[in-house]
PDB file of N, CA and C in Angstrom:
ATOM      1  N   MET A   1       3.770  10.665 -11.732  1.00  0.00           N
ATOM      2  CA  MET A   1       5.036  10.717 -11.024  1.00  0.00           C
ATOM      3  C   MET A   1       6.128  10.228 -11.964  1.00  0.00           C
ATOM      4  N   THR A   2       7.251  10.893 -11.923  1.00  0.00           N
ATOM      5  CA  THR A   2       8.373  10.454 -12.742  1.00  0.00           C
ATOM      6  C   THR A   2       9.105   9.336 -12.034  1.00  0.00           C
ATOM      7  N   ASP A   3       9.820   8.518 -12.794  1.00  0.00           N
ATOM      8  CA  ASP A   3      10.504   7.353 -12.235  1.00  0.00           C
ATOM      9  C   ASP A   3      11.512   7.722 -11.152  1.00  0.00           C
ATOM     10  N   PHE A   4      12.204   8.865 -11.266  1.00  0.00           N
ATOM     11  CA  PHE A   4      13.211   9.189 -10.270  1.00  0.00           C
ATOM     12  C   PHE A   4      12.604   9.518  -8.906  1.00  0.00           C
ATOM     13  N   MET A   5      11.327   9.836  -8.861  1.00  0.00           N
ATOM     14  CA  MET A   5      10.662  10.137  -7.587  1.00  0.00           C
ATOM     15  C   MET A   5      10.213   8.871  -6.850  1.00  0.00           C
ATOM     16  N   ALA A   6      10.039   7.767  -7.551  1.00  0.00           N
ATOM     17  CA  ALA A   6       9.537   6.534  -6.934  1.00  0.00           C
ATOM     18  C   ALA A   6      10.394   6.070  -5.759  1.00  0.00           C
ATOM     19  N   PRO A   7      11.731   6.015  -5.870  1.00  0.00           N
ATOM     20  CA  PRO A   7      12.529   5.576  -4.717  1.00  0.00           C
ATOM     21  C   PRO A   7      12.412   6.523  -3.512  1.00  0.00           C
ATOM     22  N   ILE A   8      12.260   7.802  -3.781  1.00  0.00           N
ATOM     23  CA  ILE A   8      12.112   8.771  -2.690  1.00  0.00           C
ATOM     24  C   ILE A   8      10.784   8.550  -1.971  1.00  0.00           C
ATOM     25  N   LYS A   9       9.710   8.444  -2.742  1.00  0.00           N
ATOM     26  CA  LYS A   9       8.386   8.198  -2.153  1.00  0.00           C
ATOM     27  C   LYS A   9       8.366   6.878  -1.388  1.00  0.00           C
ATOM     28  N   PHE A  10       9.005   5.852  -1.956  1.00  0.00           N
ATOM     29  CA  PHE A  10       9.059   4.545  -1.304  1.00  0.00           C
ATOM     30  C   PHE A  10       9.804   4.641   0.030  1.00  0.00           C
ATOM     31  N   THR A  11      10.928   5.337   0.052  1.00  0.00           N
ATOM     32  CA  THR A  11      11.715   5.482   1.280  1.00  0.00           C
ATOM     33  C   THR A  11      10.919   6.196   2.361  1.00  0.00           C
ATOM     34  N   ILE A  12      10.220   7.248   1.994  1.00  0.00           N
ATOM     35  CA  ILE A  12       9.385   7.983   2.958  1.00  0.00           C
ATOM     36  C   ILE A  12       8.272   7.087   3.482  1.00  0.00           C
ATOM     37  N   SER A  13       7.644   6.345   2.584  1.00  0.00           N
ATOM     38  CA  SER A  13       6.563   5.446   2.976  1.00  0.00           C
ATOM     39  C   SER A  13       7.061   4.366   3.935  1.00  0.00           C
ATOM     40  N   MET A  14       8.227   3.787   3.654  1.00  0.00           N
ATOM     41  CA  MET A  14       8.785   2.754   4.526  1.00  0.00           C
ATOM     42  C   MET A  14       9.135   3.323   5.908  1.00  0.00           C
ATOM     43  N   LYS A  15       9.672   4.537   5.947  1.00  0.00           N
ATOM     44  CA  LYS A  15       9.983   5.184   7.221  1.00  0.00           C
ATOM     45  C   LYS A  15       8.702   5.367   8.039  1.00  0.00           C
ATOM     46  N   ASP A  16       7.657   5.875   7.401  1.00  0.00           N
ATOM     47  CA  ASP A  16       6.378   6.083   8.085  1.00  0.00           C
ATOM     48  C   ASP A  16       5.813   4.763   8.598  1.00  0.00           C
ATOM     49  N   TRP A  17       5.968   3.699   7.817  1.00  0.00           N
ATOM     50  CA  TRP A  17       5.464   2.384   8.203  1.00  0.00           C
ATOM     51  C   TRP A  17       6.207   1.870   9.435  1.00  0.00           C
ATOM     52  N   ILE A  18       7.522   2.035   9.459  1.00  0.00           N
ATOM     53  CA  ILE A  18       8.328   1.591  10.602  1.00  0.00           C
ATOM     54  C   ILE A  18       7.988   2.392  11.841  1.00  0.00           C
ATOM     55  N   VAL A  19       7.859   3.717  11.694  1.00  0.00           N
ATOM     56  CA  VAL A  19       7.505   4.585  12.829  1.00  0.00           C
ATOM     57  C   VAL A  19       6.139   4.194  13.398  1.00  0.00           C
ATOM     58  N   ALA A  20       5.226   3.775  12.524  1.00  0.00           N
ATOM     59  CA  ALA A  20       3.884   3.376  12.968  1.00  0.00           C
ATOM     60  C   ALA A  20       3.868   1.997  13.621  1.00  0.00           C
ATOM     61  N   GLY A  21       5.009   1.303  13.641  1.00  0.00           N
ATOM     62  CA  GLY A  21       5.062  -0.019  14.274  1.00  0.00           C
ATOM     63  C   GLY A  21       4.880  -1.169  13.306  1.00  0.00           C
ATOM     64  N   CYS A  22       5.049  -0.937  12.034  1.00  0.00           N
ATOM     65  CA  CYS A  22       4.941  -1.958  10.981  1.00  0.00           C
ATOM     66  C   CYS A  22       3.576  -2.658  10.936  1.00  0.00           C
ATOM     67  N   PRO A  23       2.476  -1.892  11.009  1.00  0.00           N
ATOM     68  CA  PRO A  23       1.161  -2.533  10.925  1.00  0.00           C
ATOM     69  C   PRO A  23       0.918  -3.062   9.513  1.00  0.00           C
ATOM     70  N   MET A  24       0.100  -4.104   9.406  1.00  0.00           N
ATOM     71  CA  MET A  24      -0.219  -4.672   8.101  1.00  0.00           C
ATOM     72  C   MET A  24      -1.702  -5.000   8.024  1.00  0.00           C
ATOM     73  N   ARG A  25      -2.256  -4.827   6.841  1.00  0.00           N
ATOM     74  CA  ARG A  25      -3.629  -5.259   6.602  1.00  0.00           C
ATOM     75  C   ARG A  25      -3.659  -6.782   6.547  1.00  0.00           C
ATOM     76  N   SER A  26      -4.800  -7.346   6.852  1.00  0.00           N
ATOM     77  CA  SER A  26      -4.946  -8.805   6.806  1.00  0.00           C
ATOM     78  C   SER A  26      -4.857  -9.286   5.360  1.00  0.00           C
ATOM     79  N   PRO A  27      -4.486 -10.570   5.160  1.00  0.00           N
ATOM     80  CA  PRO A  27      -4.427 -11.117   3.800  1.00  0.00           C
ATOM     81  C   PRO A  27      -5.752 -10.968   3.048  1.00  0.00           C
ATOM     82  N   GLU A  28      -6.856 -11.149   3.752  1.00  0.00           N
ATOM     83  CA  GLU A  28      -8.172 -11.026   3.112  1.00  0.00           C
ATOM     84  C   GLU A  28      -8.431  -9.588   2.663  1.00  0.00           C
ATOM     85  N   TRP A  29      -8.038  -8.648   3.500  1.00  0.00           N
ATOM     86  CA  TRP A  29      -8.229  -7.226   3.190  1.00  0.00           C
ATOM     87  C   TRP A  29      -7.381  -6.816   1.992  1.00  0.00           C
ATOM     88  N   VAL A  30      -6.133  -7.270   1.945  1.00  0.00           N
ATOM     89  CA  VAL A  30      -5.232  -6.971   0.827  1.00  0.00           C
ATOM     90  C   VAL A  30      -5.820  -7.524  -0.467  1.00  0.00           C
ATOM     91  N   GLU A  31      -6.267  -8.769  -0.423  1.00  0.00           N
ATOM     92  CA  GLU A  31      -6.838  -9.397  -1.618  1.00  0.00           C
ATOM     93  C   GLU A  31      -8.098  -8.661  -2.086  1.00  0.00           C
ATOM     94  N   GLU A  32      -8.922  -8.247  -1.135  1.00  0.00           N
ATOM     95  CA  GLU A  32     -10.154  -7.532  -1.478  1.00  0.00           C
ATOM     96  C   GLU A  32      -9.847  -6.187  -2.152  1.00  0.00           C
ATOM     97  N   ILE A  33      -8.922  -5.429  -1.597  1.00  0.00           N
ATOM     98  CA  ILE A  33      -8.557  -4.133  -2.192  1.00  0.00           C
ATOM     99  C   ILE A  33      -8.010  -4.338  -3.601  1.00  0.00           C
ATOM    100  N   PHE A  34      -7.114  -5.300  -3.750  1.00  0.00           N
ATOM    101  CA  PHE A  34      -6.516  -5.542  -5.060  1.00  0.00           C
ATOM    102  C   PHE A  34      -7.570  -5.981  -6.074  1.00  0.00           C
ATOM    103  N   THR A  35      -8.383  -6.958  -5.699  1.00  0.00           N
ATOM    104  CA  THR A  35      -9.362  -7.543  -6.607  1.00  0.00           C
ATOM    105  C   THR A  35     -10.458  -6.549  -6.997  1.00  0.00           C
ATOM    106  N   GLU A  36     -10.933  -5.776  -6.026  1.00  0.00           N
ATOM    107  CA  GLU A  36     -12.052  -4.872  -6.294  1.00  0.00           C
ATOM    108  C   GLU A  36     -11.640  -3.509  -6.835  1.00  0.00           C
ATOM    109  N   HIS A  37     -10.428  -3.064  -6.514  1.00  0.00           N
ATOM    110  CA  HIS A  37     -10.048  -1.707  -6.890  1.00  0.00           C
ATOM    111  C   HIS A  37      -8.842  -1.607  -7.821  1.00  0.00           C
ATOM    112  N   CYS A  38      -7.767  -2.308  -7.511  1.00  0.00           N
ATOM    113  CA  CYS A  38      -6.530  -2.147  -8.287  1.00  0.00           C
ATOM    114  C   CYS A  38      -6.549  -2.879  -9.626  1.00  0.00           C
ATOM    115  N   ARG A  39      -6.837  -4.179  -9.594  1.00  0.00           N
ATOM    116  CA  ARG A  39      -6.773  -4.962 -10.833  1.00  0.00           C
ATOM    117  C   ARG A  39      -7.694  -4.404 -11.920  1.00  0.00           C
ATOM    118  N   PRO A  40      -8.945  -4.005 -11.609  1.00  0.00           N
ATOM    119  CA  PRO A  40      -9.799  -3.475 -12.680  1.00  0.00           C
ATOM    120  C   PRO A  40      -9.476  -2.023 -13.080  1.00  0.00           C
ATOM    121  N   CYS A  41      -8.596  -1.356 -12.360  1.00  0.00           N
ATOM    122  CA  CYS A  41      -8.278   0.049 -12.614  1.00  0.00           C
ATOM    123  C   CYS A  41      -7.458   0.207 -13.909  1.00  0.00           C
ATOM    124  N   ASP A  42      -7.714   1.282 -14.636  1.00  0.00           N
ATOM    125  CA  ASP A  42      -6.977   1.565 -15.875  1.00  0.00           C
ATOM    126  C   ASP A  42      -5.500   1.831 -15.627  1.00  0.00           C
ATOM    127  N   PHE A  43      -5.135   2.244 -14.410  1.00  0.00           N
ATOM    128  CA  PHE A  43      -3.735   2.524 -14.093  1.00  0.00           C
ATOM    129  C   PHE A  43      -2.952   1.281 -13.659  1.00  0.00           C
ATOM    130  N   TYR A  44      -3.646   0.160 -13.438  1.00  0.00           N
ATOM    131  CA  TYR A  44      -2.941  -1.079 -13.064  1.00  0.00           C
ATOM    132  C   TYR A  44      -2.248  -1.667 -14.284  1.00  0.00           C
ATOM    133  N   LYS A  45      -0.978  -2.008 -14.124  1.00  0.00           N
ATOM    134  CA  LYS A  45      -0.196  -2.623 -15.193  1.00  0.00           C
ATOM    135  C   LYS A  45       0.380  -3.949 -14.685  1.00  0.00           C
ATOM    136  N   PRO A  46       0.201  -5.046 -15.424  1.00  0.00           N
ATOM    137  CA  PRO A  46       0.699  -6.349 -14.975  1.00  0.00           C
ATOM    138  C   PRO A  46       2.212  -6.520 -15.140  1.00  0.00           C
ATOM    139  N   GLY A  47       2.866  -5.599 -15.826  1.00  0.00           N
ATOM    140  CA  GLY A  47       4.318  -5.694 -16.028  1.00  0.00           C
ATOM    141  C   GLY A  47       5.100  -5.385 -14.759  1.00  0.00           C
ATOM    142  N   ARG A  48       6.370  -5.057 -14.907  1.00  0.00           N
ATOM    143  CA  ARG A  48       7.247  -4.794 -13.761  1.00  0.00           C
ATOM    144  C   ARG A  48       7.489  -3.299 -13.581  1.00  0.00           C
ATOM    145  N   ASN A  49       7.546  -2.870 -12.301  1.00  0.00           N
ATOM    146  CA  ASN A  49       7.860  -1.477 -12.017  1.00  0.00           C
ATOM    147  C   ASN A  49       9.374  -1.291 -11.962  1.00  0.00           C
ATOM    148  N   ILE A  50       9.859  -0.105 -11.580  1.00  0.00           N
ATOM    149  CA  ILE A  50      11.303   0.143 -11.593  1.00  0.00           C
ATOM    150  C   ILE A  50      12.046  -0.663 -10.536  1.00  0.00           C
ATOM    151  N   PHE A  51      11.324  -1.219  -9.552  1.00  0.00           N
ATOM    152  CA  PHE A  51      11.952  -2.073  -8.545  1.00  0.00           C
ATOM    153  C   PHE A  51      11.952  -3.540  -8.963  1.00  0.00           C
ATOM    154  N   GLY A  52      11.369  -3.821 -10.140  1.00  0.00           N
ATOM    155  CA  GLY A  52      11.317  -5.191 -10.631  1.00  0.00           C
ATOM    156  C   GLY A  52      10.139  -5.989 -10.100  1.00  0.00           C
ATOM    157  N   GLN A  53       9.225  -5.333  -9.413  1.00  0.00           N
ATOM    158  CA  GLN A  53       8.061  -6.023  -8.857  1.00  0.00           C
ATOM    159  C   GLN A  53       6.984  -6.157  -9.928  1.00  0.00           C
ATOM    160  N   LYS A  54       6.414  -7.347 -10.044  1.00  0.00           N
ATOM    161  CA  LYS A  54       5.396  -7.601 -11.058  1.00  0.00           C
ATOM    162  C   LYS A  54       4.037  -7.118 -10.573  1.00  0.00           C
ATOM    163  N   GLY A  55       3.398  -6.279 -11.383  1.00  0.00           N
ATOM    164  CA  GLY A  55       2.101  -5.699 -11.061  1.00  0.00           C
ATOM    165  C   GLY A  55       2.289  -4.378 -10.342  1.00  0.00           C
ATOM    166  N   TYR A  56       1.914  -3.284 -10.996  1.00  0.00           N
ATOM    167  CA  TYR A  56       2.118  -1.982 -10.360  1.00  0.00           C
ATOM    168  C   TYR A  56       1.071  -0.973 -10.802  1.00  0.00           C
ATOM    169  N   CYS A  57       0.984   0.102 -10.046  1.00  0.00           N
ATOM    170  CA  CYS A  57       0.092   1.212 -10.338  1.00  0.00           C
ATOM    171  C   CYS A  57       0.867   2.213 -11.198  1.00  0.00           C
ATOM    172  N   GLU A  58       0.367   2.477 -12.371  1.00  0.00           N
ATOM    173  CA  GLU A  58       1.049   3.413 -13.272  1.00  0.00           C
ATOM    174  C   GLU A  58       0.985   4.847 -12.741  1.00  0.00           C
ATOM    175  N   LYS A  59       0.001   5.141 -11.926  1.00  0.00           N
ATOM    176  CA  LYS A  59      -0.158   6.495 -11.379  1.00  0.00           C
ATOM    177  C   LYS A  59       0.954   6.832 -10.390  1.00  0.00           C
ATOM    178  N   CYS A  60       1.275   5.911  -9.479  1.00  0.00           N
ATOM    179  CA  CYS A  60       2.291   6.192  -8.453  1.00  0.00           C
ATOM    180  C   CYS A  60       3.565   5.369  -8.628  1.00  0.00           C
ATOM    181  N   GLY A  61       3.505   4.300  -9.438  1.00  0.00           N
ATOM    182  CA  GLY A  61       4.680   3.465  -9.664  1.00  0.00           C
ATOM    183  C   GLY A  61       4.875   2.366  -8.638  1.00  0.00           C
ATOM    184  N   CYS A  62       3.989   2.274  -7.661  1.00  0.00           N
ATOM    185  CA  CYS A  62       4.136   1.290  -6.584  1.00  0.00           C
ATOM    186  C   CYS A  62       3.640  -0.094  -6.990  1.00  0.00           C
ATOM    187  N   HIS A  63       4.259  -1.097  -6.373  1.00  0.00           N
ATOM    188  CA  HIS A  63       3.834  -2.482  -6.554  1.00  0.00           C
ATOM    189  C   HIS A  63       2.508  -2.686  -5.837  1.00  0.00           C
ATOM    190  N   VAL A  64       1.546  -3.268  -6.527  1.00  0.00           N
ATOM    191  CA  VAL A  64       0.266  -3.644  -5.922  1.00  0.00           C
ATOM    192  C   VAL A  64      -0.075  -5.058  -6.376  1.00  0.00           C
ATOM    193  N   SER A  65      -0.514  -5.878  -5.443  1.00  0.00           N
ATOM    194  CA  SER A  65      -0.906  -7.244  -5.776  1.00  0.00           C
ATOM    195  C   SER A  65      -1.804  -7.783  -4.663  1.00  0.00           C
ATOM    196  N   ALA A  66      -2.292  -8.996  -4.863  1.00  0.00           N
ATOM    197  CA  ALA A  66      -3.118  -9.654  -3.852  1.00  0.00           C
ATOM    198  C   ALA A  66      -2.259 -10.326  -2.788  1.00  0.00           C
ATOM    199  N   SER A  67      -0.938 -10.279  -2.947  1.00  0.00           N
ATOM    200  CA  SER A  67      -0.023 -10.942  -2.016  1.00  0.00           C
ATOM    201  C   SER A  67       0.094 -10.191  -0.691  1.00  0.00           C
ATOM    202  N   SER A  68      -0.043 -10.924   0.386  1.00  0.00           N
ATOM    203  CA  SER A  68       0.127 -10.313   1.715  1.00  0.00           C
ATOM    204  C   SER A  68       1.490 -10.694   2.305  1.00  0.00           C
ATOM    205  N   THR A  69       2.348 -11.317   1.501  1.00  0.00           N
ATOM    206  CA  THR A  69       3.656 -11.731   1.999  1.00  0.00           C
ATOM    207  C   THR A  69       4.800 -10.866   1.470  1.00  0.00           C
ATOM    208  N   ASN A  70       4.523 -10.028   0.481  1.00  0.00           N
ATOM    209  CA  ASN A  70       5.564  -9.174  -0.091  1.00  0.00           C
ATOM    210  C   ASN A  70       5.532  -7.809   0.596  1.00  0.00           C
ATOM    211  N   PRO A  71       6.560  -7.465   1.377  1.00  0.00           N
ATOM    212  CA  PRO A  71       6.548  -6.183   2.097  1.00  0.00           C
ATOM    213  C   PRO A  71       6.584  -4.969   1.171  1.00  0.00           C
ATOM    214  N   LEU A  72       6.873  -5.163  -0.118  1.00  0.00           N
ATOM    215  CA  LEU A  72       6.866  -4.048  -1.056  1.00  0.00           C
ATOM    216  C   LEU A  72       5.484  -3.764  -1.631  1.00  0.00           C
ATOM    217  N   ASN A  73       4.490  -4.573  -1.274  1.00  0.00           N
ATOM    218  CA  ASN A  73       3.129  -4.391  -1.754  1.00  0.00           C
ATOM    219  C   ASN A  73       2.512  -3.175  -1.058  1.00  0.00           C
ATOM    220  N   LYS A  74       2.196  -2.135  -1.820  1.00  0.00           N
ATOM    221  CA  LYS A  74       1.654  -0.895  -1.253  1.00  0.00           C
ATOM    222  C   LYS A  74       0.372  -1.138  -0.462  1.00  0.00           C
ATOM    223  N   ILE A  75      -0.442  -2.059  -0.899  1.00  0.00           N
ATOM    224  CA  ILE A  75      -1.732  -2.324  -0.250  1.00  0.00           C
ATOM    225  C   ILE A  75      -1.548  -2.857   1.170  1.00  0.00           C
ATOM    226  N   LEU A  76      -0.482  -3.554   1.415  1.00  0.00           N
ATOM    227  CA  LEU A  76      -0.237  -4.181   2.716  1.00  0.00           C
ATOM    228  C   LEU A  76      -0.145  -3.161   3.853  1.00  0.00           C
ATOM    229  N   ASP A  77       0.390  -1.994   3.578  1.00  0.00           N
ATOM    230  CA  ASP A  77       0.609  -0.950   4.590  1.00  0.00           C
ATOM    231  C   ASP A  77      -0.644  -0.094   4.744  1.00  0.00           C
ATOM    232  N   PRO A  78      -1.288  -0.099   5.921  1.00  0.00           N
ATOM    233  CA  PRO A  78      -2.499   0.692   6.116  1.00  0.00           C
ATOM    234  C   PRO A  78      -2.257   2.199   6.121  1.00  0.00           C
ATOM    235  N   ASN A  79      -0.996   2.610   6.085  1.00  0.00           N
ATOM    236  CA  ASN A  79      -0.648   4.026   6.014  1.00  0.00           C
ATOM    237  C   ASN A  79      -0.736   4.533   4.569  1.00  0.00           C
ATOM    238  N   ASN A  80      -0.873   3.628   3.612  1.00  0.00           N
ATOM    239  CA  ASN A  80      -0.939   3.994   2.198  1.00  0.00           C
ATOM    240  C   ASN A  80      -2.376   4.079   1.712  1.00  0.00           C
ATOM    241  N   ALA A  81      -2.548   4.813   0.603  1.00  0.00           N
ATOM    242  CA  ALA A  81      -3.856   4.956  -0.032  1.00  0.00           C
ATOM    243  C   ALA A  81      -3.673   4.994  -1.543  1.00  0.00           C
ATOM    244  N   CYS A  82      -4.749   4.777  -2.243  1.00  0.00           N
ATOM    245  CA  CYS A  82      -4.766   4.892  -3.691  1.00  0.00           C
ATOM    246  C   CYS A  82      -4.387   6.333  -4.057  1.00  0.00           C
ATOM    247  N   PRO A  83      -3.549   6.524  -5.100  1.00  0.00           N
ATOM    248  CA  PRO A  83      -3.118   7.870  -5.463  1.00  0.00           C
ATOM    249  C   PRO A  83      -4.143   8.690  -6.251  1.00  0.00           C
ATOM    250  N   LEU A  84      -5.255   8.079  -6.629  1.00  0.00           N
ATOM    251  CA  LEU A  84      -6.256   8.816  -7.406  1.00  0.00           C
ATOM    252  C   LEU A  84      -7.013   9.805  -6.522  1.00  0.00           C
ATOM    253  N   ASP A  85      -7.607  10.790  -7.149  1.00  0.00           N
ATOM    254  CA  ASP A  85      -8.396  11.789  -6.423  1.00  0.00           C
ATOM    255  C   ASP A  85      -9.808  11.774  -6.981  1.00  0.00           C
ATOM    256  N   PRO A  86     -10.778  11.227  -6.267  1.00  0.00           N
ATOM    257  CA  PRO A  86     -10.681  10.650  -4.922  1.00  0.00           C
ATOM    258  C   PRO A  86     -10.071   9.247  -4.979  1.00  0.00           C
ATOM    259  N   PRO A  87      -9.467   8.815  -3.871  1.00  0.00           N
ATOM    260  CA  PRO A  87      -8.852   7.483  -3.843  1.00  0.00           C
ATOM    261  C   PRO A  87      -9.899   6.373  -3.892  1.00  0.00           C
ATOM    262  N   LYS A  88      -9.552   5.272  -4.560  1.00  0.00           N
ATOM    263  CA  LYS A  88     -10.446   4.114  -4.615  1.00  0.00           C
ATOM    264  C   LYS A  88     -10.418   3.344  -3.298  1.00  0.00           C
ATOM    265  N   TRP A  89      -9.305   3.436  -2.579  1.00  0.00           N
ATOM    266  CA  TRP A  89      -9.165   2.837  -1.248  1.00  0.00           C
ATOM    267  C   TRP A  89      -8.272   3.774  -0.440  1.00  0.00           C
ATOM    268  N   GLY A  90      -8.528   3.831   0.858  1.00  0.00           N
ATOM    269  CA  GLY A  90      -7.851   4.835   1.656  1.00  0.00           C
ATOM    270  C   GLY A  90      -6.974   4.317   2.775  1.00  0.00           C
ATOM    271  N   ARG A  91      -6.359   5.286   3.455  1.00  0.00           N
ATOM    272  CA  ARG A  91      -5.530   4.995   4.625  1.00  0.00           C
ATOM    273  C   ARG A  91      -6.422   4.484   5.748  1.00  0.00           C
ATOM    274  N   THR A  92      -5.931   3.518   6.467  1.00  0.00           N
ATOM    275  CA  THR A  92      -6.687   2.975   7.595  1.00  0.00           C
ATOM    276  C   THR A  92      -5.807   2.905   8.838  1.00  0.00           C
ATOM    277  N   ILE A  93      -4.728   3.665   8.854  1.00  0.00           N
ATOM    278  CA  ILE A  93      -3.770   3.601   9.956  1.00  0.00           C
ATOM    279  C   ILE A  93      -4.417   3.979  11.286  1.00  0.00           C
ATOM    280  N   GLU A  94      -5.366   4.881  11.284  1.00  0.00           N
ATOM    281  CA  GLU A  94      -6.023   5.290  12.535  1.00  0.00           C
ATOM    282  C   GLU A  94      -6.711   4.110  13.215  1.00  0.00           C
ATOM    283  N   LYS A  95      -7.263   3.199  12.433  1.00  0.00           N
ATOM    284  CA  LYS A  95      -7.893   2.010  13.017  1.00  0.00           C
ATOM    285  C   LYS A  95      -6.864   1.177  13.773  1.00  0.00           C
ATOM    286  N   PHE A  96      -5.663   1.085  13.224  1.00  0.00           N
ATOM    287  CA  PHE A  96      -4.603   0.311  13.866  1.00  0.00           C
ATOM    288  C   PHE A  96      -4.111   1.011  15.131  1.00  0.00           C
ATOM    289  N   LYS A  97      -3.988   2.332  15.100  1.00  0.00           N
ATOM    290  CA  LYS A  97      -3.537   3.082  16.272  1.00  0.00           C
ATOM    291  C   LYS A  97      -4.527   2.930  17.418  1.00  0.00           C
ATOM    292  N   LYS A  98      -5.822   3.063  17.115  1.00  0.00           N
ATOM    293  CA  LYS A  98      -6.843   2.926  18.155  1.00  0.00           C
ATOM    294  C   LYS A  98      -6.821   1.523  18.745  1.00  0.00           C
ATOM    295  N   HIS A  99      -6.675   0.520  17.886  1.00  0.00           N
ATOM    296  CA  HIS A  99      -6.649  -0.868  18.335  1.00  0.00           C
ATOM    297  C   HIS A  99      -5.441  -1.126  19.236  1.00  0.00           C
ATOM    298  N   SER A 100      -4.255  -0.663  18.821  1.00  0.00           N
ATOM    299  CA  SER A 100      -3.053  -0.920  19.613  1.00  0.00           C
ATOM    300  C   SER A 100      -3.059  -0.122  20.909  1.00  0.00           C
ATOM    301  N   ASN A 101      -3.649   1.076  20.921  1.00  0.00           N
ATOM    302  CA  ASN A 101      -3.725   1.860  22.159  1.00  0.00           C
ATOM    303  C   ASN A 101      -4.628   1.184  23.184  1.00  0.00           C
ATOM    304  N   LYS A 102      -5.704   0.569  22.751  1.00  0.00           N
ATOM    305  CA  LYS A 102      -6.597  -0.129  23.677  1.00  0.00           C
ATOM    306  C   LYS A 102      -5.885  -1.312  24.317  1.00  0.00           C
ATOM    307  N   GLU A 103      -5.082  -2.019  23.523  1.00  0.00           N
ATOM    308  CA  GLU A 103      -4.376  -3.182  24.053  1.00  0.00           C
ATOM    309  C   GLU A 103      -3.267  -2.787  25.029  1.00  0.00           C
ATOM    310  N   ASN A 104      -2.677  -1.611  24.841  1.00  0.00           N
ATOM    311  CA  ASN A 104      -1.568  -1.198  25.688  1.00  0.00           C
ATOM    312  C   ASN A 104      -1.985  -0.525  26.982  1.00  0.00           C
ATOM    313  N   LYS A 105      -3.262  -0.235  27.149  1.00  0.00           N
ATOM    314  CA  LYS A 105      -3.718   0.404  28.388  1.00  0.00           C
ATOM    315  C   LYS A 105      -3.836  -0.624  29.502  1.00  0.00           C
ATOM    316  N   PRO A 106      -3.514  -0.206  30.743  1.00  0.00           N
ATOM    317  CA  PRO A 106      -3.605  -1.164  31.877  1.00  0.00           C
ATOM    318  C   PRO A 106      -5.036  -1.531  32.211  1.00  0.00           C
TER     319      PRO A 106
END
């Protein structure tokens, strides 16, 4: 992905996250994905991306880290997945939808 596409992709991703109700993976889940998949990946770079976030995926340009407090962390949003084909970690938004639908039923 070229650098000029990163803000567009980020904006679309944030819109989708808000529409989905702002679900987030647990801190343990975020740390596990980062530690087992992102950090050892050849596309992980410890430097800064175009948004100034430290630690990013060179394939998609997104910030990835073990932090569950930074809303710019791609791993935090269950609507996101690893950009590789096949992905090292995937979307889990359906799990959140099923969970929230069960809670909202009378």
